[in-house]
């Protein structure tokens, strides 16, 4: 009897993403709120955008020396988990009165 594997992917694990985010917090801040203007906030970022960005760094289609090195060491599952963690934050925006 053969084993059939579906095309479904494993669900992301935001708890593992939280653990992995310790490395990210150096530049992107605790809980994804950056203290540095050159490092974007990750909190509330779309998981699809996060995943695509990291894959683009891995492929060399997006360029940043530090991020390219970091992304190359992450598995697809780790990227998915990080994406789920940062996407889990509810971010509110206040529109300024002009």
PDB file of N, CA and C in Angstrom:
ATOM      1  N   UNK A   1       0.849  -1.165   0.000  1.00  0.00           N
ATOM      2  CA  UNK A   1       0.000   0.000   0.000  1.00  0.00           C
ATOM      3  C   UNK A   1       0.900   1.234   0.000  1.00  0.00           C
ATOM      4  N   UNK A   2       0.646   2.146  -0.931  1.00  0.00           N
ATOM      5  CA  UNK A   2       1.447   3.366  -1.045  1.00  0.00           C
ATOM      6  C   UNK A   2       0.938   4.460  -0.130  1.00  0.00           C
ATOM      7  N   UNK A   3       1.798   5.404   0.106  1.00  0.00           N
ATOM      8  CA  UNK A   3       1.451   6.556   0.934  1.00  0.00           C
ATOM      9  C   UNK A   3       1.293   7.762   0.038  1.00  0.00           C
ATOM     10  N   UNK A   4       0.150   8.403   0.116  1.00  0.00           N
ATOM     11  CA  UNK A   4      -0.065   9.614  -0.675  1.00  0.00           C
ATOM     12  C   UNK A   4       0.132  10.819   0.227  1.00  0.00           C
ATOM     13  N   UNK A   5       0.865  11.776  -0.271  1.00  0.00           N
ATOM     14  CA  UNK A   5       1.102  13.006   0.477  1.00  0.00           C
ATOM     15  C   UNK A   5       0.386  14.129  -0.245  1.00  0.00           C
ATOM     16  N   UNK A   6      -0.432  14.846   0.488  1.00  0.00           N
ATOM     17  CA  UNK A   6      -1.183  15.936  -0.138  1.00  0.00           C
ATOM     18  C   UNK A   6      -0.294  17.156  -0.301  1.00  0.00           C
ATOM     19  N   UNK A   7      -0.776  18.096  -1.071  1.00  0.00           N
ATOM     20  CA  UNK A   7      -0.055  19.346  -1.288  1.00  0.00           C
ATOM     21  C   UNK A   7      -0.223  20.322  -0.147  1.00  0.00           C
ATOM     22  N   UNK A   8      -0.965  19.955   0.863  1.00  0.00           N
ATOM     23  CA  UNK A   8      -1.189  20.856   1.987  1.00  0.00           C
ATOM     24  C   UNK A   8       0.109  21.077   2.758  1.00  0.00           C
ATOM     25  N   UNK A   9       0.286  22.286   3.234  1.00  0.00           N
ATOM     26  CA  UNK A   9       1.476  22.600   4.012  1.00  0.00           C
ATOM     27  C   UNK A   9       1.149  22.518   5.493  1.00  0.00           C
ATOM     28  N   UNK A  10       2.171  22.347   6.279  1.00  0.00           N
ATOM     29  CA  UNK A  10       1.988  22.311   7.717  1.00  0.00           C
ATOM     30  C   UNK A  10       1.573  23.690   8.207  1.00  0.00           C
ATOM     31  N   UNK A  11       0.762  23.723   9.228  1.00  0.00           N
ATOM     32  CA  UNK A  11       0.328  24.993   9.801  1.00  0.00           C
ATOM     33  C   UNK A  11       1.512  25.682  10.466  1.00  0.00           C
ATOM     34  N   UNK A  12       1.519  26.994  10.373  1.00  0.00           N
ATOM     35  CA  UNK A  12       2.575  27.774  11.004  1.00  0.00           C
ATOM     36  C   UNK A  12       2.418  27.719  12.521  1.00  0.00           C
ATOM     37  N   UNK A  13       3.524  27.856  13.225  1.00  0.00           N
ATOM     38  CA  UNK A  13       3.534  27.804  14.685  1.00  0.00           C
ATOM     39  C   UNK A  13       4.028  29.140  15.238  1.00  0.00           C
ATOM     40  N   UNK A  14       3.097  30.056  15.577  1.00  0.00           N
ATOM     41  CA  UNK A  14       3.520  31.360  16.083  1.00  0.00           C
ATOM     42  C   UNK A  14       4.279  31.279  17.411  1.00  0.00           C
ATOM     43  N   UNK A  15       4.062  30.230  18.198  1.00  0.00           N
ATOM     44  CA  UNK A  15       4.802  30.073  19.454  1.00  0.00           C
ATOM     45  C   UNK A  15       6.279  29.850  19.144  1.00  0.00           C
ATOM     46  N   UNK A  16       6.558  29.000  18.157  1.00  0.00           N
ATOM     47  CA  UNK A  16       7.940  28.806  17.728  1.00  0.00           C
ATOM     48  C   UNK A  16       8.474  30.090  17.095  1.00  0.00           C
ATOM     49  N   UNK A  17       7.620  30.795  16.350  1.00  0.00           N
ATOM     50  CA  UNK A  17       8.020  32.072  15.759  1.00  0.00           C
ATOM     51  C   UNK A  17       8.457  33.072  16.813  1.00  0.00           C
ATOM     52  N   UNK A  18       7.754  33.084  17.937  1.00  0.00           N
ATOM     53  CA  UNK A  18       8.128  33.988  19.038  1.00  0.00           C
ATOM     54  C   UNK A  18       9.530  33.652  19.533  1.00  0.00           C
ATOM     55  N   UNK A  19       9.824  32.356  19.681  1.00  0.00           N
ATOM     56  CA  UNK A  19      11.157  31.933  20.126  1.00  0.00           C
ATOM     57  C   UNK A  19      12.219  32.362  19.120  1.00  0.00           C
ATOM     58  N   UNK A  20      11.927  32.152  17.840  1.00  0.00           N
ATOM     59  CA  UNK A  20      12.883  32.501  16.787  1.00  0.00           C
ATOM     60  C   UNK A  20      13.100  34.007  16.678  1.00  0.00           C
ATOM     61  N   UNK A  21      12.112  34.785  17.091  1.00  0.00           N
ATOM     62  CA  UNK A  21      12.173  36.240  16.918  1.00  0.00           C
ATOM     63  C   UNK A  21      13.220  36.914  17.794  1.00  0.00           C
ATOM     64  N   UNK A  22      13.795  36.195  18.745  1.00  0.00           N
ATOM     65  CA  UNK A  22      14.832  36.786  19.601  1.00  0.00           C
ATOM     66  C   UNK A  22      15.974  37.340  18.758  1.00  0.00           C
ATOM     67  N   UNK A  23      16.359  36.618  17.715  1.00  0.00           N
ATOM     68  CA  UNK A  23      17.430  37.085  16.829  1.00  0.00           C
ATOM     69  C   UNK A  23      16.988  38.340  16.076  1.00  0.00           C
ATOM     70  N   UNK A  24      15.741  38.400  15.677  1.00  0.00           N
ATOM     71  CA  UNK A  24      15.214  39.538  14.916  1.00  0.00           C
ATOM     72  C   UNK A  24      15.145  40.801  15.767  1.00  0.00           C
ATOM     73  N   UNK A  25      14.919  40.609  17.079  1.00  0.00           N
ATOM     74  CA  UNK A  25      14.688  41.749  17.959  1.00  0.00           C
ATOM     75  C   UNK A  25      15.897  42.663  18.091  1.00  0.00           C
ATOM     76  N   UNK A  26      17.081  42.175  17.773  1.00  0.00           N
ATOM     77  CA  UNK A  26      18.278  43.007  17.850  1.00  0.00           C
ATOM     78  C   UNK A  26      18.113  44.253  16.979  1.00  0.00           C
ATOM     79  N   UNK A  27      17.600  44.091  15.785  1.00  0.00           N
ATOM     80  CA  UNK A  27      17.396  45.224  14.874  1.00  0.00           C
ATOM     81  C   UNK A  27      15.941  45.675  14.794  1.00  0.00           C
ATOM     82  N   UNK A  28      15.025  44.718  14.818  1.00  0.00           N
ATOM     83  CA  UNK A  28      13.611  45.028  14.593  1.00  0.00           C
ATOM     84  C   UNK A  28      12.843  45.279  15.887  1.00  0.00           C
ATOM     85  N   UNK A  29      13.521  45.215  17.020  1.00  0.00           N
ATOM     86  CA  UNK A  29      12.919  45.551  18.301  1.00  0.00           C
ATOM     87  C   UNK A  29      12.116  44.423  18.915  1.00  0.00           C
ATOM     88  N   UNK A  30      11.920  44.557  20.217  1.00  0.00           N
ATOM     89  CA  UNK A  30      11.124  43.573  20.945  1.00  0.00           C
ATOM     90  C   UNK A  30       9.707  43.585  20.391  1.00  0.00           C
ATOM     91  N   UNK A  31       9.183  42.427  20.125  1.00  0.00           N
ATOM     92  CA  UNK A  31       7.839  42.271  19.572  1.00  0.00           C
ATOM     93  C   UNK A  31       7.663  42.954  18.221  1.00  0.00           C
ATOM     94  N   UNK A  32       8.772  43.139  17.497  1.00  0.00           N
ATOM     95  CA  UNK A  32       8.678  43.645  16.129  1.00  0.00           C
ATOM     96  C   UNK A  32       8.496  45.136  15.980  1.00  0.00           C
ATOM     97  N   UNK A  33       8.693  45.902  17.050  1.00  0.00           N
ATOM     98  CA  UNK A  33       8.607  47.358  16.978  1.00  0.00           C
ATOM     99  C   UNK A  33      10.036  47.888  16.981  1.00  0.00           C
ATOM    100  N   UNK A  34      10.480  48.358  15.822  1.00  0.00           N
ATOM    101  CA  UNK A  34      11.863  48.761  15.620  1.00  0.00           C
ATOM    102  C   UNK A  34      12.198  50.078  16.310  1.00  0.00           C
ATOM    103  N   UNK A  35      13.436  50.156  16.791  1.00  0.00           N
ATOM    104  CA  UNK A  35      13.960  51.400  17.355  1.00  0.00           C
ATOM    105  C   UNK A  35      14.835  52.125  16.338  1.00  0.00           C
ATOM    106  N   UNK A  36      15.079  51.495  15.208  1.00  0.00           N
ATOM    107  CA  UNK A  36      15.987  52.041  14.207  1.00  0.00           C
ATOM    108  C   UNK A  36      15.235  52.369  12.922  1.00  0.00           C
ATOM    109  N   UNK A  37      15.452  53.554  12.368  1.00  0.00           N
ATOM    110  CA  UNK A  37      14.718  53.933  11.146  1.00  0.00           C
ATOM    111  C   UNK A  37      15.025  53.047   9.941  1.00  0.00           C
ATOM    112  N   UNK A  38      16.202  52.442   9.904  1.00  0.00           N
ATOM    113  CA  UNK A  38      16.565  51.603   8.758  1.00  0.00           C
ATOM    114  C   UNK A  38      16.014  50.179   8.867  1.00  0.00           C
ATOM    115  N   UNK A  39      15.474  49.818  10.025  1.00  0.00           N
ATOM    116  CA  UNK A  39      14.898  48.483  10.221  1.00  0.00           C
ATOM    117  C   UNK A  39      13.383  48.624  10.358  1.00  0.00           C
ATOM    118  N   UNK A  40      12.629  48.050   9.435  1.00  0.00           N
ATOM    119  CA  UNK A  40      11.169  48.211   9.492  1.00  0.00           C
ATOM    120  C   UNK A  40      10.538  47.474  10.675  1.00  0.00           C
ATOM    121  N   UNK A  41       9.380  47.972  11.085  1.00  0.00           N
ATOM    122  CA  UNK A  41       8.578  47.249  12.073  1.00  0.00           C
ATOM    123  C   UNK A  41       8.090  45.958  11.433  1.00  0.00           C
ATOM    124  N   UNK A  42       8.100  44.887  12.193  1.00  0.00           N
ATOM    125  CA  UNK A  42       7.589  43.603  11.713  1.00  0.00           C
ATOM    126  C   UNK A  42       6.231  43.283  12.328  1.00  0.00           C
ATOM    127  N   UNK A  43       5.916  43.901  13.454  1.00  0.00           N
ATOM    128  CA  UNK A  43       4.644  43.654  14.139  1.00  0.00           C
ATOM    129  C   UNK A  43       3.483  44.023  13.228  1.00  0.00           C
ATOM    130  N   UNK A  44       2.557  43.089  13.064  1.00  0.00           N
ATOM    131  CA  UNK A  44       1.378  43.331  12.245  1.00  0.00           C
ATOM    132  C   UNK A  44       1.599  43.155  10.754  1.00  0.00           C
ATOM    133  N   UNK A  45       2.821  42.797  10.359  1.00  0.00           N
ATOM    134  CA  UNK A  45       3.113  42.617   8.936  1.00  0.00           C
ATOM    135  C   UNK A  45       2.360  41.404   8.400  1.00  0.00           C
ATOM    136  N   UNK A  46       1.849  41.530   7.213  1.00  0.00           N
ATOM    137  CA  UNK A  46       1.178  40.417   6.538  1.00  0.00           C
ATOM    138  C   UNK A  46       2.119  39.217   6.473  1.00  0.00           C
ATOM    139  N   UNK A  47       1.607  38.048   6.822  1.00  0.00           N
ATOM    140  CA  UNK A  47       2.453  36.854   6.775  1.00  0.00           C
ATOM    141  C   UNK A  47       2.925  36.562   5.352  1.00  0.00           C
ATOM    142  N   UNK A  48       2.072  36.810   4.372  1.00  0.00           N
ATOM    143  CA  UNK A  48       2.469  36.581   2.976  1.00  0.00           C
ATOM    144  C   UNK A  48       3.606  37.514   2.570  1.00  0.00           C
ATOM    145  N   UNK A  49       3.518  38.783   2.967  1.00  0.00           N
ATOM    146  CA  UNK A  49       4.570  39.749   2.637  1.00  0.00           C
ATOM    147  C   UNK A  49       5.874  39.369   3.334  1.00  0.00           C
ATOM    148  N   UNK A  50       5.791  38.988   4.610  1.00  0.00           N
ATOM    149  CA  UNK A  50       6.979  38.588   5.355  1.00  0.00           C
ATOM    150  C   UNK A  50       7.652  37.390   4.690  1.00  0.00           C
ATOM    151  N   UNK A  51       6.855  36.363   4.390  1.00  0.00           N
ATOM    152  CA  UNK A  51       7.411  35.155   3.770  1.00  0.00           C
ATOM    153  C   UNK A  51       8.056  35.464   2.426  1.00  0.00           C
ATOM    154  N   UNK A  52       7.381  36.255   1.590  1.00  0.00           N
ATOM    155  CA  UNK A  52       7.936  36.597   0.277  1.00  0.00           C
ATOM    156  C   UNK A  52       9.232  37.381   0.428  1.00  0.00           C
ATOM    157  N   UNK A  53       9.260  38.317   1.361  1.00  0.00           N
ATOM    158  CA  UNK A  53      10.469  39.110   1.585  1.00  0.00           C
ATOM    159  C   UNK A  53      11.645  38.225   1.969  1.00  0.00           C
ATOM    160  N   UNK A  54      11.417  37.282   2.871  1.00  0.00           N
ATOM    161  CA  UNK A  54      12.507  36.414   3.313  1.00  0.00           C
ATOM    162  C   UNK A  54      12.985  35.499   2.188  1.00  0.00           C
ATOM    163  N   UNK A  55      12.066  34.970   1.412  1.00  0.00           N
ATOM    164  CA  UNK A  55      12.439  34.119   0.276  1.00  0.00           C
ATOM    165  C   UNK A  55      13.203  34.946  -0.761  1.00  0.00           C
ATOM    166  N   UNK A  56      12.774  36.179  -0.977  1.00  0.00           N
ATOM    167  CA  UNK A  56      13.485  37.055  -1.916  1.00  0.00           C
ATOM    168  C   UNK A  56      14.905  37.337  -1.439  1.00  0.00           C
ATOM    169  N   UNK A  57      15.112  37.501  -0.132  1.00  0.00           N
ATOM    170  CA  UNK A  57      16.475  37.650   0.396  1.00  0.00           C
ATOM    171  C   UNK A  57      17.273  36.378   0.134  1.00  0.00           C
ATOM    172  N   UNK A  58      16.659  35.218   0.351  1.00  0.00           N
ATOM    173  CA  UNK A  58      17.353  33.949   0.124  1.00  0.00           C
ATOM    174  C   UNK A  58      17.777  33.790  -1.329  1.00  0.00           C
ATOM    175  N   UNK A  59      16.918  34.207  -2.250  1.00  0.00           N
ATOM    176  CA  UNK A  59      17.188  34.060  -3.682  1.00  0.00           C
ATOM    177  C   UNK A  59      18.088  35.158  -4.235  1.00  0.00           C
ATOM    178  N   UNK A  60      18.353  36.188  -3.443  1.00  0.00           N
ATOM    179  CA  UNK A  60      19.143  37.318  -3.924  1.00  0.00           C
ATOM    180  C   UNK A  60      18.330  38.305  -4.737  1.00  0.00           C
ATOM    181  N   UNK A  61      17.000  38.196  -4.673  1.00  0.00           N
ATOM    182  CA  UNK A  61      16.128  39.111  -5.409  1.00  0.00           C
ATOM    183  C   UNK A  61      15.822  40.370  -4.606  1.00  0.00           C
ATOM    184  N   UNK A  62      16.134  40.338  -3.337  1.00  0.00           N
ATOM    185  CA  UNK A  62      16.010  41.505  -2.465  1.00  0.00           C
ATOM    186  C   UNK A  62      17.371  41.642  -1.798  1.00  0.00           C
ATOM    187  N   UNK A  63      17.845  42.877  -1.656  1.00  0.00           N
ATOM    188  CA  UNK A  63      19.232  43.067  -1.247  1.00  0.00           C
ATOM    189  C   UNK A  63      19.379  43.828   0.070  1.00  0.00           C
ATOM    190  N   UNK A  64      20.020  43.204   0.995  1.00  0.00           N
ATOM    191  CA  UNK A  64      20.491  43.787   2.241  1.00  0.00           C
ATOM    192  C   UNK A  64      21.484  42.773   2.783  1.00  0.00           C
ATOM    193  N   UNK A  65      22.707  43.216   2.985  1.00  0.00           N
ATOM    194  CA  UNK A  65      23.774  42.296   3.367  1.00  0.00           C
ATOM    195  C   UNK A  65      23.410  41.477   4.606  1.00  0.00           C
ATOM    196  N   UNK A  66      22.953  42.140   5.655  1.00  0.00           N
ATOM    197  CA  UNK A  66      22.632  41.425   6.895  1.00  0.00           C
ATOM    198  C   UNK A  66      21.439  40.492   6.726  1.00  0.00           C
ATOM    199  N   UNK A  67      20.375  41.019   6.130  1.00  0.00           N
ATOM    200  CA  UNK A  67      19.164  40.209   5.994  1.00  0.00           C
ATOM    201  C   UNK A  67      19.383  39.015   5.068  1.00  0.00           C
ATOM    202  N   UNK A  68      20.182  39.193   4.042  1.00  0.00           N
ATOM    203  CA  UNK A  68      20.465  38.075   3.132  1.00  0.00           C
ATOM    204  C   UNK A  68      21.172  36.941   3.869  1.00  0.00           C
ATOM    205  N   UNK A  69      22.119  37.289   4.728  1.00  0.00           N
ATOM    206  CA  UNK A  69      22.836  36.270   5.508  1.00  0.00           C
ATOM    207  C   UNK A  69      21.908  35.575   6.503  1.00  0.00           C
ATOM    208  N   UNK A  70      21.060  36.352   7.149  1.00  0.00           N
ATOM    209  CA  UNK A  70      20.130  35.783   8.132  1.00  0.00           C
ATOM    210  C   UNK A  70      19.116  34.879   7.444  1.00  0.00           C
ATOM    211  N   UNK A  71      18.526  35.360   6.365  1.00  0.00           N
ATOM    212  CA  UNK A  71      17.476  34.604   5.664  1.00  0.00           C
ATOM    213  C   UNK A  71      17.995  33.272   5.131  1.00  0.00           C
ATOM    214  N   UNK A  72      19.234  33.250   4.661  1.00  0.00           N
ATOM    215  CA  UNK A  72      19.790  32.014   4.101  1.00  0.00           C
ATOM    216  C   UNK A  72      19.848  30.885   5.125  1.00  0.00           C
ATOM    217  N   UNK A  73      19.891  31.239   6.398  1.00  0.00           N
ATOM    218  CA  UNK A  73      19.984  30.226   7.452  1.00  0.00           C
ATOM    219  C   UNK A  73      18.634  29.787   7.996  1.00  0.00           C
ATOM    220  N   UNK A  74      17.544  30.303   7.429  1.00  0.00           N
ATOM    221  CA  UNK A  74      16.206  29.949   7.902  1.00  0.00           C
ATOM    222  C   UNK A  74      15.544  28.947   6.964  1.00  0.00           C
ATOM    223  N   UNK A  75      14.901  27.957   7.556  1.00  0.00           N
ATOM    224  CA  UNK A  75      14.133  26.992   6.762  1.00  0.00           C
ATOM    225  C   UNK A  75      12.787  27.608   6.389  1.00  0.00           C
ATOM    226  N   UNK A  76      12.088  26.968   5.460  1.00  0.00           N
ATOM    227  CA  UNK A  76      10.744  27.426   5.084  1.00  0.00           C
ATOM    228  C   UNK A  76       9.823  27.424   6.298  1.00  0.00           C
ATOM    229  N   UNK A  77       9.946  26.400   7.130  1.00  0.00           N
ATOM    230  CA  UNK A  77       9.101  26.294   8.320  1.00  0.00           C
ATOM    231  C   UNK A  77       9.393  27.420   9.301  1.00  0.00           C
ATOM    232  N   UNK A  78      10.666  27.737   9.490  1.00  0.00           N
ATOM    233  CA  UNK A  78      11.028  28.824  10.398  1.00  0.00           C
ATOM    234  C   UNK A  78      10.500  30.163   9.883  1.00  0.00           C
ATOM    235  N   UNK A  79      10.607  30.382   8.586  1.00  0.00           N
ATOM    236  CA  UNK A  79      10.076  31.614   7.992  1.00  0.00           C
ATOM    237  C   UNK A  79       8.570  31.676   8.204  1.00  0.00           C
ATOM    238  N   UNK A  80       7.895  30.572   7.974  1.00  0.00           N
ATOM    239  CA  UNK A  80       6.444  30.510   8.155  1.00  0.00           C
ATOM    240  C   UNK A  80       6.070  30.792   9.611  1.00  0.00           C
ATOM    241  N   UNK A  81       6.833  30.238  10.550  1.00  0.00           N
ATOM    242  CA  UNK A  81       6.556  30.456  11.968  1.00  0.00           C
ATOM    243  C   UNK A  81       6.782  31.917  12.362  1.00  0.00           C
ATOM    244  N   UNK A  82       7.873  32.501  11.887  1.00  0.00           N
ATOM    245  CA  UNK A  82       8.131  33.918  12.164  1.00  0.00           C
ATOM    246  C   UNK A  82       7.029  34.791  11.573  1.00  0.00           C
ATOM    247  N   UNK A  83       6.622  34.477  10.361  1.00  0.00           N
ATOM    248  CA  UNK A  83       5.558  35.240   9.702  1.00  0.00           C
ATOM    249  C   UNK A  83       4.271  35.179  10.517  1.00  0.00           C
ATOM    250  N   UNK A  84       3.942  34.003  11.033  1.00  0.00           N
ATOM    251  CA  UNK A  84       2.730  33.845  11.842  1.00  0.00           C
ATOM    252  C   UNK A  84       2.827  34.642  13.137  1.00  0.00           C
ATOM    253  N   UNK A  85       4.007  34.649  13.748  1.00  0.00           N
ATOM    254  CA  UNK A  85       4.202  35.397  14.993  1.00  0.00           C
ATOM    255  C   UNK A  85       3.987  36.892  14.760  1.00  0.00           C
ATOM    256  N   UNK A  86       4.660  37.449  13.776  1.00  0.00           N
ATOM    257  CA  UNK A  86       4.545  38.893  13.544  1.00  0.00           C
ATOM    258  C   UNK A  86       3.160  39.283  13.032  1.00  0.00           C
ATOM    259  N   UNK A  87       2.527  38.436  12.255  1.00  0.00           N
ATOM    260  CA  UNK A  87       1.181  38.729  11.747  1.00  0.00           C
ATOM    261  C   UNK A  87       0.133  38.662  12.858  1.00  0.00           C
ATOM    262  N   UNK A  88       0.459  38.005  13.965  1.00  0.00           N
ATOM    263  CA  UNK A  88      -0.513  37.865  15.054  1.00  0.00           C
ATOM    264  C   UNK A  88      -0.717  39.156  15.848  1.00  0.00           C
ATOM    265  N   UNK A  89       0.154  40.133  15.645  1.00  0.00           N
ATOM    266  CA  UNK A  89       0.030  41.400  16.365  1.00  0.00           C
ATOM    267  C   UNK A  89      -1.050  42.260  15.731  1.00  0.00           C
ATOM    268  N   UNK A  90      -1.899  42.813  16.569  1.00  0.00           N
ATOM    269  CA  UNK A  90      -2.905  43.755  16.081  1.00  0.00           C
ATOM    270  C   UNK A  90      -2.302  45.153  16.177  1.00  0.00           C
ATOM    271  N   UNK A  91      -2.211  45.807  15.049  1.00  0.00           N
ATOM    272  CA  UNK A  91      -1.615  47.137  14.995  1.00  0.00           C
ATOM    273  C   UNK A  91      -2.704  48.141  14.666  1.00  0.00           C
ATOM    274  N   UNK A  92      -2.744  49.219  15.429  1.00  0.00           N
ATOM    275  CA  UNK A  92      -3.711  50.274  15.144  1.00  0.00           C
ATOM    276  C   UNK A  92      -2.975  51.481  14.590  1.00  0.00           C
ATOM    277  N   UNK A  93      -3.656  52.208  13.750  1.00  0.00           N
ATOM    278  CA  UNK A  93      -3.072  53.384  13.110  1.00  0.00           C
ATOM    279  C   UNK A  93      -3.926  54.589  13.466  1.00  0.00           C
ATOM    280  N   UNK A  94      -3.267  55.658  13.834  1.00  0.00           N
ATOM    281  CA  UNK A  94      -3.963  56.911  14.097  1.00  0.00           C
ATOM    282  C   UNK A  94      -3.655  57.861  12.954  1.00  0.00           C
ATOM    283  N   UNK A  95      -4.685  58.295  12.270  1.00  0.00           N
ATOM    284  CA  UNK A  95      -4.504  59.220  11.152  1.00  0.00           C
ATOM    285  C   UNK A  95      -4.397  60.631  11.716  1.00  0.00           C
ATOM    286  N   UNK A  96      -3.319  61.333  11.367  1.00  0.00           N
ATOM    287  CA  UNK A  96      -3.144  62.684  11.910  1.00  0.00           C
ATOM    288  C   UNK A  96      -4.157  63.662  11.318  1.00  0.00           C
ATOM    289  N   UNK A  97      -4.539  64.605  12.128  1.00  0.00           N
ATOM    290  CA  UNK A  97      -5.406  65.669  11.629  1.00  0.00           C
ATOM    291  C   UNK A  97      -4.516  66.733  11.024  1.00  0.00           C
ATOM    292  N   UNK A  98      -4.801  67.107   9.804  1.00  0.00           N
ATOM    293  CA  UNK A  98      -3.991  68.121   9.116  1.00  0.00           C
ATOM    294  C   UNK A  98      -4.752  69.405   8.974  1.00  0.00           C
TER     295      UNK A  98
END
